Amino acid sequence: MKKCAQLKSLITSSNLEFIMEAHNGVSAKIVEEAGFKGIWASGLSISAALGVRDNNEASWTQVLEVCEFMSDATSIPILLDGDTGFGNFNSFRRLVQKLEQRNIAGVCIEDKTFPKTNSFIGGEKQPLADIEEFCGKIKSGKDYQKDSDFVIVARVEAFIAGWGLNEAIKRANAYADAGADAILIHSKISSDKEIEDFMQQWQNTKPVVIVPTMYFSTPTEKFNKSGVSLVIWANHTLRASITNMQQVTKQIYTDQSLMNIEDKIVPVREIFRIQNVLEYKEAENRYLPKKESFKGLILAASKGDNFGTLTDEKPKTMIQISEETILSRIVNTLNARSIKDISVVVGFKKEAVNLPNLKYIENADYKNYGILYSLFKSLDVFTGNLIITFGDILFEEDILRKLLASDQDIVLAVDSTKYNDISKPRDLVVGSHVHSGNFGSISVCHLNEIQEVNPGIDLTKFTGEYMGLLKLNSNGSEIFRRSFEELKKNDPDFIESATLNDFFNYLIKNKQPVYIQYFKGQWKDIDSIEDLTYLVDLYTEK
């Protein structure tokens, strides 16, 4: 049933019905969950929640925006406390149009002058609207509503202004004749006498709505017997929230601690439940592109023999470069591309590798076996998408971004810069074609050969240098895992004695495609004091 029809049904029900005040989306949701069939969008409560007075200080468009959030959060109808209609007939008919557009089921307007003042603040001094003018306002709303079930309630303030019963009946009849769907008769005395007097003379021409805020001790059954159709509990979620906020904030201020209040307030997960966070997660799965997440594996078990006393008590990966370790710089680069699940293979002085939020895998035989053995010790990590990096290289985030975008199962990041220096080992590769020159070229090349450079090798036949950075998709991880298991079964000495380059060539020999993606610069292999000095100077300048 549409919300307008729901509210019309409540108003015209043969049973006494009840609606409850709310002033924002979360309070509206709470009202619905409590079991109420409708919501009273209180002008007092909405203005108070906005931190202003109930004197039309909040504009009608601001009130409308709050109501829209309340309506979006709930499936039950909302009756808006529309004050005086926020102006003359023209303002009111536009308000009705905008309320219907936002799925608000009805509006209540009071016969006072604009701008209004709350009825409980000097009500007897507040002037009432001219009856004919107010009837014209009601007619304009009825003429401009599109849904025949949209409810307009006329609120009679005669008792509030001290004008008595006869004036209240006179006005109620006029408003009913003008087309109001119901009459709200308001009273601020502490008993229900004025309400009872009105109901005895009212001929039930239209349903009657009451707001027993001041005469709260009256038994509800009396309202039912007198013929009242709808009771509004008008401001109690706001008042309850203020009570609790005052108590909690005062206690936190006094205690300077949360220890004494945590068990008195809802857990954060209850807020998430009311916000329907679970639906959002489900919607993400339905509508967002399926971007598979990556894990990271950093191979950092070695000591680093070329750094003198710098690696006496810590491995090379923990050397600081401008107040940040090599390892932390690698981790930060991975994190920048949303790679947060990171494992690190440790060995030498493993206790010195102590960065938070990382998983650690020990290679106790780091002295005897190299990087390939570290990979084998990490076999459990080889599920899903994986980035593998040496623990002694630094690389720009853009290299990682382009590598992650590649589609192939196994892709090595390769620097196509030509090096004639063979004073230190380099992992040189031969691709199926040379680099075109574009940074991060997506035209990855099938790898023909990977070999560590040594004196006597013809450097001209190689197309680039493997950086120590590798991407595996889910299938690539499975290829690595399966290959390691086959080697362990058929050639166990291979894992302990071979190099990583040997393993790549093993894959190639066994018809497993290994690809390279070319880059040019923007990375640094840290193998010596000279490399370290260069980077310290570089980051100091930055």
Protein backbone atom coordinates (compact mmCIF):
# COMPACT_ATOMS: atom_id res chain seq x y z
CA MET A 1 0.00 0.00 0.00
CA LYS A 2 1.27 3.47 -0.88
CA LYS A 3 2.27 5.67 2.03
CA CYS A 4 -0.55 8.17 1.41
CA ALA A 5 -3.09 5.35 1.48
CA GLN A 6 -1.50 3.99 4.66
CA LEU A 7 -1.90 7.33 6.44
CA LYS A 8 -5.46 7.82 5.16
CA SER A 9 -6.26 4.37 6.52
CA LEU A 10 -4.87 5.32 9.95
CA ILE A 11 -6.83 8.58 10.01
CA THR A 12 -10.12 6.91 9.06
CA SER A 13 -9.66 3.71 11.07
CA SER A 14 -12.48 2.60 13.38
CA ASN A 15 -9.79 1.87 15.97
CA LEU A 16 -7.74 4.40 17.90
CA GLU A 17 -4.38 4.65 16.15
CA PHE A 18 -1.02 6.09 17.21
CA ILE A 19 1.92 7.72 15.47
CA MET A 20 5.26 8.66 17.00
CA GLU A 21 7.54 11.65 16.61
CA ALA A 22 10.83 11.48 14.73
CA HIS A 23 13.19 14.20 13.63
CA ASN A 24 15.77 12.55 11.36
CA GLY A 25 16.42 9.35 9.47
CA VAL A 26 17.73 7.29 12.37
CA SER A 27 14.90 8.25 14.77
CA ALA A 28 12.37 7.53 12.01
CA LYS A 29 13.86 4.07 11.55
CA ILE A 30 13.71 3.46 15.30
CA VAL A 31 10.03 4.48 15.35
CA GLU A 32 9.23 2.04 12.56
CA GLU A 33 11.16 -0.79 14.23
CA ALA A 34 9.26 -0.16 17.48
CA GLY A 35 6.07 -1.13 15.66
CA PHE A 36 4.40 2.22 14.97
CA LYS A 37 2.32 2.48 11.80
CA GLY A 38 3.18 6.10 11.15
CA ILE A 39 5.57 8.95 11.98
CA TRP A 40 4.97 12.50 13.14
CA ALA A 41 7.66 14.76 11.67
CA SER A 42 7.58 17.28 14.48
CA GLY A 43 8.41 20.91 13.72
CA LEU A 44 9.63 21.40 17.28
CA SER A 45 11.89 18.35 17.12
CA ILE A 46 13.29 19.01 13.65
CA SER A 47 14.11 22.63 14.48
CA ALA A 48 15.66 21.58 17.80
CA ALA A 49 17.75 18.92 16.08
CA LEU A 50 18.97 21.64 13.71
CA GLY A 51 19.80 23.83 16.73
CA VAL A 52 17.25 26.58 16.04
CA ARG A 53 13.98 27.74 17.61
CA ASP A 54 10.51 26.54 16.66
CA ASN A 55 9.74 29.92 15.08
CA ASN A 56 10.16 29.02 11.40
CA GLU A 57 13.87 29.69 11.78
CA ALA A 58 14.48 26.51 9.80
CA SER A 59 13.28 27.17 6.26
CA TRP A 60 10.62 24.95 4.71
CA THR A 61 13.17 23.56 2.26
CA GLN A 62 15.44 22.55 5.15
CA VAL A 63 12.51 20.83 6.87
CA LEU A 64 11.63 19.17 3.56
CA GLU A 65 15.17 17.80 3.21
CA VAL A 66 14.99 16.24 6.70
CA CYS A 67 11.64 14.66 5.82
CA GLU A 68 13.08 13.21 2.65
CA PHE A 69 15.79 11.41 4.62
CA MET A 70 13.15 10.14 7.05
CA SER A 71 10.96 8.88 4.22
CA ASP A 72 13.86 7.18 2.45
CA ALA A 73 14.80 5.37 5.67
CA THR A 74 11.32 3.96 6.34
CA SER A 75 8.36 2.23 4.76
CA ILE A 76 5.62 3.73 6.98
CA PRO A 77 3.85 7.04 6.26
CA ILE A 78 4.96 10.41 7.57
CA LEU A 79 2.65 13.22 8.64
CA LEU A 80 4.60 16.47 8.61
CA ASP A 81 4.04 19.17 11.18
CA GLY A 82 3.80 21.92 8.55
CA ASP A 83 3.38 24.82 10.99
CA THR A 84 1.24 27.46 9.23
CA GLY A 85 2.09 26.15 5.77
CA PHE A 86 5.18 28.41 5.64
CA GLY A 87 3.28 31.40 4.25
CA ASN A 88 0.09 32.02 2.35
CA PHE A 89 -1.90 29.72 0.06
CA ASN A 90 0.78 29.89 -2.63
CA SER A 91 3.52 28.69 -0.30
CA PHE A 92 1.29 25.92 1.00
CA ARG A 93 0.25 24.49 -2.35
CA ARG A 94 3.90 24.37 -3.41
CA LEU A 95 4.73 22.62 -0.12
CA VAL A 96 2.07 19.97 -0.86
CA GLN A 97 3.56 19.36 -4.31
CA LYS A 98 7.07 18.99 -2.91
CA LEU A 99 5.93 16.68 -0.11
CA GLU A 100 4.26 14.35 -2.58
CA GLN A 101 7.40 14.31 -4.71
CA ARG A 102 9.31 13.07 -1.66
CA ASN A 103 6.74 10.43 -0.73
CA ILE A 104 5.53 12.24 2.41
CA ALA A 105 1.98 11.07 3.08
CA GLY A 106 0.43 14.15 4.64
CA VAL A 107 0.80 17.54 6.29
CA CYS A 108 -0.76 19.23 9.29
CA ILE A 109 -1.12 23.03 9.27
CA GLU A 110 -2.18 25.24 12.17
CA ASP A 111 -4.41 28.31 12.07
CA LYS A 112 -1.87 30.83 13.35
CA THR A 113 0.01 33.54 11.49
CA PHE A 114 3.40 33.18 9.82
CA PRO A 115 6.03 33.05 11.27
CA LYS A 116 4.63 30.81 13.99
CA THR A 117 5.67 30.45 17.61
CA ASN A 118 5.46 27.17 19.48
CA SER A 119 2.02 26.76 21.06
CA PHE A 120 3.46 26.19 24.54
CA ILE A 121 5.26 29.56 24.58
CA GLY A 122 2.75 32.32 25.37
CA GLY A 123 0.06 30.68 23.27
CA GLU A 124 -2.74 32.92 24.58
CA LYS A 125 -0.97 35.96 23.13
CA GLN A 126 -0.57 34.45 19.67
CA PRO A 127 -2.98 35.74 17.02
CA LEU A 128 -5.02 33.23 15.05
CA ALA A 129 -5.36 33.29 11.29
CA ASP A 130 -8.47 34.65 9.61
CA ILE A 131 -10.85 31.72 9.10
CA GLU A 132 -11.55 32.47 5.44
CA GLU A 133 -7.88 32.93 4.68
CA PHE A 134 -7.02 29.63 6.37
CA CYS A 135 -9.84 27.83 4.54
CA GLY A 136 -8.43 29.14 1.27
CA LYS A 137 -5.07 27.71 2.23
CA ILE A 138 -6.62 24.28 2.83
CA LYS A 139 -8.45 24.43 -0.51
CA SER A 140 -5.26 25.32 -2.38
CA GLY A 141 -3.51 22.25 -0.94
CA LYS A 142 -6.41 19.96 -1.84
CA ASP A 143 -6.59 21.40 -5.35
CA TYR A 144 -2.89 20.86 -6.00
CA GLN A 145 -2.38 17.43 -4.47
CA LYS A 146 -2.01 14.71 -7.10
CA ASP A 147 -2.68 11.68 -4.91
CA SER A 148 -6.29 11.65 -3.71
CA ASP A 149 -5.14 9.89 -0.51
CA PHE A 150 -2.69 12.65 0.46
CA VAL A 151 -3.81 13.83 3.91
CA ILE A 152 -4.22 17.45 4.98
CA VAL A 153 -4.91 17.88 8.70
CA ALA A 154 -6.17 21.27 9.96
CA ARG A 155 -4.94 22.10 13.44
CA VAL A 156 -7.25 24.26 15.55
CA GLU A 157 -5.42 26.52 18.03
CA ALA A 158 -8.49 28.14 19.61
CA PHE A 159 -7.90 26.54 23.03
CA ILE A 160 -4.21 27.46 22.92
CA ALA A 161 -5.06 31.13 22.22
CA GLY A 162 -7.74 31.17 24.95
CA TRP A 163 -10.69 31.64 22.57
CA GLY A 164 -12.78 28.80 24.02
CA LEU A 165 -14.90 25.91 22.85
CA ASN A 166 -17.33 27.75 20.59
CA GLU A 167 -14.50 29.22 18.53
CA ALA A 168 -12.83 25.81 18.34
CA ILE A 169 -16.03 24.18 17.00
CA LYS A 170 -16.64 27.04 14.59
CA ARG A 171 -13.17 26.80 13.14
CA ALA A 172 -13.17 23.00 12.97
CA ASN A 173 -16.43 22.99 11.01
CA ALA A 174 -15.12 25.62 8.59
CA TYR A 175 -11.90 23.71 7.99
CA ALA A 176 -13.79 20.46 7.47
CA ASP A 177 -16.03 22.19 4.91
CA ALA A 178 -12.90 23.53 3.15
CA GLY A 179 -11.73 19.95 2.56
CA ALA A 180 -9.46 19.09 5.51
CA ASP A 181 -9.18 15.31 5.91
CA ALA A 182 -9.00 15.55 9.71
CA ILE A 183 -9.06 18.08 12.53
CA LEU A 184 -6.28 18.29 15.12
CA ILE A 185 -7.68 19.88 18.26
CA HIS A 186 -4.85 21.17 20.42
CA SER A 187 -4.76 21.86 24.16
CA LYS A 188 -2.04 22.81 26.60
CA ILE A 189 -3.80 22.29 29.94
CA SER A 190 -2.82 19.35 32.13
CA SER A 191 -6.18 17.57 31.87
CA ASP A 192 -8.20 16.36 28.90
CA LYS A 193 -11.20 18.58 29.73
CA GLU A 194 -10.95 20.76 26.63
CA ILE A 195 -10.54 17.69 24.42
CA GLU A 196 -13.52 15.99 26.08
CA ASP A 197 -15.69 19.11 25.70
CA PHE A 198 -14.78 19.38 22.04
CA MET A 199 -15.49 15.71 21.30
CA GLN A 200 -18.91 15.93 23.00
CA GLN A 201 -20.00 18.71 20.63
CA TRP A 202 -18.15 17.54 17.52
CA GLN A 203 -20.41 15.65 15.18
CA ASN A 204 -17.66 13.38 13.83
CA THR A 205 -17.83 15.14 10.50
CA LYS A 206 -14.15 14.42 10.09
CA PRO A 207 -11.65 12.34 12.10
CA VAL A 208 -10.07 14.01 15.13
CA VAL A 209 -6.36 13.99 15.97
CA ILE A 210 -4.92 14.92 19.39
CA VAL A 211 -1.49 15.58 20.91
CA PRO A 212 -1.60 14.69 24.64
CA THR A 213 1.82 16.14 25.51
CA MET A 214 0.50 18.25 28.41
CA TYR A 215 -2.33 15.97 29.53
CA PHE A 216 -0.17 12.85 29.43
CA SER A 217 -1.71 11.33 32.58
CA THR A 218 -5.08 10.88 30.90
CA PRO A 219 -5.80 7.16 30.38
CA THR A 220 -5.61 6.33 26.70
CA GLU A 221 -8.90 4.45 26.89
CA LYS A 222 -10.70 7.78 27.44
CA PHE A 223 -9.50 8.96 24.04
CA ASN A 224 -10.81 5.79 22.47
CA LYS A 225 -14.25 6.14 24.11
CA SER A 226 -14.57 9.79 23.15
CA GLY A 227 -14.11 8.99 19.44
CA VAL A 228 -10.58 10.27 18.84
CA SER A 229 -9.13 8.72 15.68
CA LEU A 230 -5.39 9.34 16.02
CA VAL A 231 -3.02 10.12 18.89
CA ILE A 232 0.34 11.78 18.22
CA TRP A 233 3.18 11.20 20.68
CA ALA A 234 4.74 14.45 19.60
CA ASN A 235 8.29 15.00 20.84
CA HIS A 236 9.45 12.07 22.92
CA THR A 237 12.30 10.62 20.85
CA LEU A 238 13.92 14.06 20.86
CA ARG A 239 13.43 14.53 24.60
CA ALA A 240 14.72 11.03 25.34
CA SER A 241 17.81 11.58 23.20
CA ILE A 242 18.57 14.89 24.93
CA THR A 243 18.29 13.26 28.35
CA ASN A 244 20.73 10.53 27.41
CA MET A 245 23.14 12.81 25.56
CA GLN A 246 23.33 15.14 28.55
CA GLN A 247 24.02 12.27 30.94
CA VAL A 248 26.62 10.58 28.76
CA THR A 249 28.52 13.70 27.75
CA LYS A 250 28.63 14.94 31.35
CA GLN A 251 29.97 11.60 32.57
CA ILE A 252 32.64 11.45 29.86
CA TYR A 253 33.68 15.02 30.66
CA THR A 254 33.87 14.24 34.39
CA ASP A 255 35.59 10.86 34.08
CA GLN A 256 37.85 11.68 31.13
CA SER A 257 37.25 8.06 30.23
CA LEU A 258 34.74 5.85 28.43
CA MET A 259 34.89 3.02 30.94
CA ASN A 260 31.70 3.95 32.82
CA ILE A 261 29.45 4.60 29.83
CA GLU A 262 30.29 1.93 27.26
CA ASP A 263 27.78 -0.55 28.69
CA LYS A 264 25.07 2.16 28.82
CA ILE A 265 25.05 3.00 25.12
CA VAL A 266 24.50 0.95 21.99
CA PRO A 267 27.55 -0.57 20.31
CA VAL A 268 28.66 0.96 17.02
CA ARG A 269 27.46 -2.15 15.20
CA GLU A 270 23.88 -1.21 16.15
CA ILE A 271 24.31 2.06 14.25
CA PHE A 272 25.56 0.08 11.28
CA ARG A 273 22.51 -2.20 11.53
CA ILE A 274 20.08 0.72 11.55
CA GLN A 275 21.95 2.24 8.60
CA ASN A 276 21.53 -1.09 6.77
CA VAL A 277 25.22 -1.44 6.02
CA LEU A 278 24.68 -5.09 5.09
CA GLU A 279 22.50 -4.05 2.12
CA TYR A 280 25.29 -1.80 0.89
CA LYS A 281 27.75 -4.68 0.96
CA GLU A 282 25.32 -6.80 -1.02
CA ALA A 283 24.80 -3.94 -3.48
CA GLU A 284 28.56 -3.63 -3.96
CA ASN A 285 28.65 -7.23 -5.08
CA ARG A 286 25.80 -6.66 -7.51
CA TYR A 287 26.80 -3.36 -9.08
CA LEU A 288 30.52 -2.65 -8.68
CA PRO A 289 33.04 -4.07 -11.14
CA LYS A 290 34.68 -7.19 -9.80
CA LYS A 291 38.11 -5.84 -8.91
CA GLU A 292 40.05 -8.73 -7.50
CA SER A 293 42.20 -7.84 -4.54
CA PHE A 294 45.92 -8.53 -4.39
CA LYS A 295 48.11 -9.84 -1.62
CA GLY A 296 51.77 -8.97 -1.23
CA LEU A 297 54.82 -11.14 -0.56
CA ILE A 298 58.16 -9.51 0.30
CA LEU A 299 61.31 -11.66 0.20
CA ALA A 300 63.58 -10.22 2.88
CA ALA A 301 65.40 -13.11 4.57
CA SER A 302 68.96 -12.19 3.60
CA LYS A 303 71.43 -10.20 5.67
CA GLY A 304 73.02 -8.03 3.00
CA ASP A 305 76.78 -8.59 3.04
CA ASN A 306 77.88 -5.33 1.43
CA PHE A 307 76.78 -2.88 4.11
CA GLY A 308 79.41 -3.27 6.80
CA THR A 309 78.19 -2.66 10.34
CA LEU A 310 74.79 -1.45 9.13
CA THR A 311 73.62 -5.05 8.94
CA ASP A 312 75.28 -6.40 12.08
CA GLU A 313 72.02 -6.31 14.07
CA LYS A 314 69.38 -6.08 11.38
CA PRO A 315 68.84 -7.29 7.82
CA LYS A 316 69.29 -5.04 4.83
CA THR A 317 65.55 -4.49 4.45
CA MET A 318 65.51 -2.66 7.81
CA ILE A 319 68.20 -0.12 6.88
CA GLN A 320 66.84 3.39 7.16
CA ILE A 321 66.71 5.79 4.24
CA SER A 322 65.85 9.28 5.43
CA GLU A 323 64.15 8.08 8.64
CA GLU A 324 62.20 5.30 6.94
CA THR A 325 63.31 1.72 6.41
CA ILE A 326 63.55 0.06 3.01
CA LEU A 327 60.84 -2.39 4.08
CA SER A 328 58.44 0.31 5.25
CA ARG A 329 58.88 2.13 1.94
CA ILE A 330 58.00 -1.04 0.04
CA VAL A 331 54.98 -1.63 2.29
CA ASN A 332 53.79 1.96 1.80
CA THR A 333 54.00 1.58 -1.98
CA LEU A 334 51.94 -1.62 -1.82
CA ASN A 335 49.43 0.01 0.52
CA ALA A 336 49.03 2.91 -1.91
CA ARG A 337 47.59 0.43 -4.41
CA SER A 338 45.27 -1.08 -1.75
CA ILE A 339 47.50 -4.09 -1.10
CA LYS A 340 47.13 -4.49 2.66
CA ASP A 341 47.43 -8.28 3.15
CA ILE A 342 51.23 -8.51 3.12
CA SER A 343 53.53 -11.34 4.16
CA VAL A 344 57.27 -10.95 4.69
CA VAL A 345 59.80 -13.79 4.56
CA VAL A 346 62.36 -13.19 7.32
CA GLY A 347 65.56 -14.93 8.21
CA PHE A 348 68.62 -13.02 9.42
CA LYS A 349 67.86 -11.19 12.68
CA LYS A 350 64.19 -11.91 12.20
CA GLU A 351 63.34 -10.22 15.51
CA ALA A 352 64.52 -6.88 14.05
CA VAL A 353 61.82 -7.00 11.39
CA ASN A 354 58.95 -5.71 13.46
CA LEU A 355 56.65 -3.56 11.34
CA PRO A 356 52.98 -3.75 12.40
CA ASN A 357 50.12 -5.28 10.38
CA LEU A 358 52.35 -7.71 8.49
CA LYS A 359 52.44 -11.49 8.47
CA TYR A 360 55.84 -13.09 8.93
CA ILE A 361 57.14 -16.32 7.40
CA GLU A 362 60.48 -17.66 8.64
CA ASN A 363 63.18 -19.05 6.38
CA ALA A 364 65.51 -20.47 9.02
CA ASP A 365 67.85 -21.79 6.30
CA TYR A 366 68.46 -18.40 4.70
CA LYS A 367 72.27 -18.89 4.99
CA ASN A 368 72.24 -22.04 2.88
CA TYR A 369 69.35 -21.50 0.49
CA GLY A 370 68.35 -18.46 -1.52
CA ILE A 371 65.25 -16.66 -2.75
CA LEU A 372 63.72 -19.71 -4.40
CA TYR A 373 63.65 -21.52 -1.07
CA SER A 374 62.00 -18.47 0.53
CA LEU A 375 59.28 -18.74 -2.10
CA PHE A 376 58.85 -22.41 -1.33
CA LYS A 377 58.50 -21.63 2.40
CA SER A 378 55.69 -19.22 1.43
CA LEU A 379 53.64 -21.81 -0.40
CA ASP A 380 50.51 -21.08 1.66
CA VAL A 381 50.46 -17.51 0.33
CA PHE A 382 50.06 -18.67 -3.27
CA THR A 383 46.29 -18.31 -3.55
CA GLY A 384 44.56 -15.59 -5.51
CA ASN A 385 46.29 -12.54 -6.94
CA LEU A 386 49.78 -11.88 -5.65
CA ILE A 387 52.56 -9.31 -5.95
CA ILE A 388 56.02 -10.63 -5.10
CA THR A 389 58.88 -8.23 -4.52
CA PHE A 390 62.45 -8.45 -3.30
CA GLY A 391 62.99 -6.80 0.07
CA ASP A 392 65.85 -4.63 -1.17
CA ILE A 393 64.32 -2.69 -4.05
CA LEU A 394 62.38 0.55 -4.24
CA PHE A 395 60.00 1.29 -7.10
CA GLU A 396 57.55 4.01 -8.06
CA GLU A 397 53.84 3.42 -7.44
CA ASP A 398 53.10 3.91 -11.14
CA ILE A 399 55.17 0.83 -12.00
CA LEU A 400 53.02 -1.19 -9.59
CA ARG A 401 49.79 0.32 -10.96
CA LYS A 402 50.58 -0.67 -14.53
CA LEU A 403 51.80 -4.10 -13.49
CA LEU A 404 48.55 -4.77 -11.62
CA ALA A 405 46.57 -3.88 -14.75
CA SER A 406 48.21 -6.56 -16.89
CA ASP A 407 46.06 -9.57 -17.81
CA GLN A 408 48.62 -12.37 -18.07
CA ASP A 409 49.09 -15.07 -15.42
CA ILE A 410 52.79 -14.44 -14.71
CA VAL A 411 54.32 -11.03 -15.43
CA LEU A 412 57.80 -9.79 -14.52
CA ALA A 413 58.56 -6.06 -14.27
CA VAL A 414 61.60 -5.44 -16.52
CA ASP A 415 63.70 -2.31 -16.94
CA SER A 416 64.72 -1.91 -20.58
CA THR A 417 67.51 0.56 -19.75
CA LYS A 418 70.80 -0.67 -21.23
CA TYR A 419 73.50 -1.39 -18.66
CA ASN A 420 77.13 -1.95 -19.58
CA ASP A 421 78.24 -2.16 -15.97
CA ILE A 422 78.76 -5.77 -14.86
CA SER A 423 80.48 -4.96 -11.58
CA LYS A 424 77.45 -6.40 -9.76
CA PRO A 425 75.07 -9.21 -10.72
CA ARG A 426 72.05 -8.29 -12.81
CA ASP A 427 69.07 -10.50 -13.64
CA LEU A 428 68.96 -10.01 -17.40
CA VAL A 429 66.16 -11.28 -19.60
CA VAL A 430 65.58 -11.94 -23.26
CA GLY A 431 62.09 -11.00 -24.41
CA SER A 432 60.40 -11.92 -27.67
CA HIS A 433 60.94 -8.33 -28.81
CA VAL A 434 62.66 -5.23 -27.57
CA HIS A 435 60.97 -2.42 -25.70
CA SER A 436 59.14 0.11 -27.90
CA GLY A 437 60.18 2.88 -25.51
CA ASN A 438 56.86 3.62 -23.84
CA PHE A 439 56.89 3.49 -20.05
CA GLY A 440 54.85 0.58 -18.74
CA SER A 441 54.05 -0.68 -22.20
CA ILE A 442 51.06 -3.00 -21.99
CA SER A 443 52.46 -5.05 -24.87
CA VAL A 444 54.06 -7.61 -22.57
CA CYS A 445 56.57 -9.96 -24.14
CA HIS A 446 56.85 -13.70 -23.76
CA LEU A 447 60.08 -14.45 -21.94
CA ASN A 448 62.67 -16.52 -23.81
CA GLU A 449 65.43 -16.55 -21.24
CA ILE A 450 66.42 -15.08 -17.89
CA GLN A 451 70.01 -15.21 -16.75
CA GLU A 452 72.24 -13.58 -14.16
CA VAL A 453 74.89 -11.50 -15.85
CA ASN A 454 78.53 -12.44 -15.39
CA PRO A 455 81.81 -11.61 -17.16
CA GLY A 456 81.97 -12.96 -20.68
CA ILE A 457 78.22 -12.66 -21.42
CA ASP A 458 77.22 -10.67 -24.49
CA LEU A 459 75.12 -7.88 -22.99
CA THR A 460 73.69 -6.87 -26.35
CA LYS A 461 71.50 -9.96 -26.64
CA PHE A 462 69.43 -9.10 -23.55
CA THR A 463 66.33 -6.86 -23.72
CA GLY A 464 66.13 -5.77 -20.11
CA GLU A 465 66.81 -6.33 -16.41
CA TYR A 466 64.34 -8.07 -14.10
CA MET A 467 63.64 -5.65 -11.23
CA GLY A 468 62.68 -8.20 -8.60
CA LEU A 469 58.98 -7.37 -8.93
CA LEU A 470 56.49 -9.99 -10.10
CA LYS A 471 52.71 -10.18 -10.56
CA LEU A 472 50.68 -13.39 -10.42
CA ASN A 473 46.95 -13.60 -10.97
CA SER A 474 44.98 -16.46 -9.43
CA ASN A 475 45.98 -18.83 -12.18
CA GLY A 476 49.61 -17.72 -11.94
CA SER A 477 49.62 -18.43 -8.21
CA GLU A 478 48.26 -21.89 -8.91
CA ILE A 479 50.99 -22.48 -11.53
CA PHE A 480 53.66 -21.54 -8.98
CA ARG A 481 52.12 -23.73 -6.29
CA ARG A 482 51.73 -26.71 -8.60
CA SER A 483 55.27 -26.32 -9.96
CA PHE A 484 56.76 -26.22 -6.47
CA GLU A 485 54.84 -29.33 -5.47
CA GLU A 486 56.01 -31.16 -8.62
CA LEU A 487 59.62 -30.12 -8.00
CA LYS A 488 59.48 -31.19 -4.37
CA LYS A 489 58.22 -34.58 -5.45
CA ASN A 490 60.39 -35.16 -8.54
CA ASP A 491 63.52 -33.08 -7.91
CA PRO A 492 63.74 -31.95 -4.28
CA ASP A 493 67.33 -30.76 -4.65
CA PHE A 494 66.23 -28.18 -7.24
CA ILE A 495 64.39 -25.98 -4.71
CA GLU A 496 67.36 -25.97 -2.37
CA SER A 497 70.09 -25.43 -4.93
CA ALA A 498 68.53 -23.53 -7.86
CA THR A 499 68.11 -19.77 -8.25
CA LEU A 500 64.91 -17.88 -8.94
CA ASN A 501 66.16 -17.42 -12.52
CA ASP A 502 66.44 -21.20 -12.83
CA PHE A 503 62.83 -21.51 -11.71
CA PHE A 504 61.61 -19.04 -14.35
CA ASN A 505 63.49 -21.00 -17.01
CA TYR A 506 62.01 -24.24 -15.60
CA LEU A 507 58.53 -22.78 -16.16
CA ILE A 508 59.43 -21.73 -19.70
CA LYS A 509 60.87 -25.17 -20.47
CA ASN A 510 57.63 -26.77 -19.25
CA LYS A 511 55.50 -24.61 -21.55
CA GLN A 512 54.25 -22.26 -18.85
CA PRO A 513 54.11 -18.76 -20.38
CA VAL A 514 56.14 -16.18 -18.48
CA TYR A 515 55.69 -12.61 -19.64
CA ILE A 516 57.60 -9.39 -19.12
CA GLN A 517 56.27 -5.85 -18.97
CA TYR A 518 58.77 -3.21 -19.91
CA PHE A 519 59.51 -0.07 -17.93
CA LYS A 520 62.32 2.43 -18.07
CA GLY A 521 63.88 3.52 -14.79
CA GLN A 522 61.84 4.65 -11.74
CA TRP A 523 63.22 1.92 -9.50
CA LYS A 524 66.40 1.18 -7.57
CA ASP A 525 68.11 -2.04 -6.52
CA ILE A 526 69.96 -1.53 -3.21
CA ASP A 527 73.07 -3.71 -3.28
CA SER A 528 75.81 -1.50 -1.87
CA ILE A 529 76.73 1.43 0.32
CA GLU A 530 76.90 3.51 -2.88
CA ASP A 531 73.29 2.63 -3.73
CA LEU A 532 72.27 3.56 -0.21
CA THR A 533 74.12 6.87 -0.28
CA TYR A 534 72.50 7.76 -3.58
CA LEU A 535 69.02 7.12 -2.18
CA VAL A 536 69.69 8.99 1.07
CA ASP A 537 70.74 12.04 -0.95
CA LEU A 538 67.71 11.65 -3.23
CA TYR A 539 65.15 11.46 -0.44
CA THR A 540 66.85 14.23 1.51
CA GLU A 541 66.41 16.52 -1.49
CA LYS A 542 62.71 15.59 -1.67
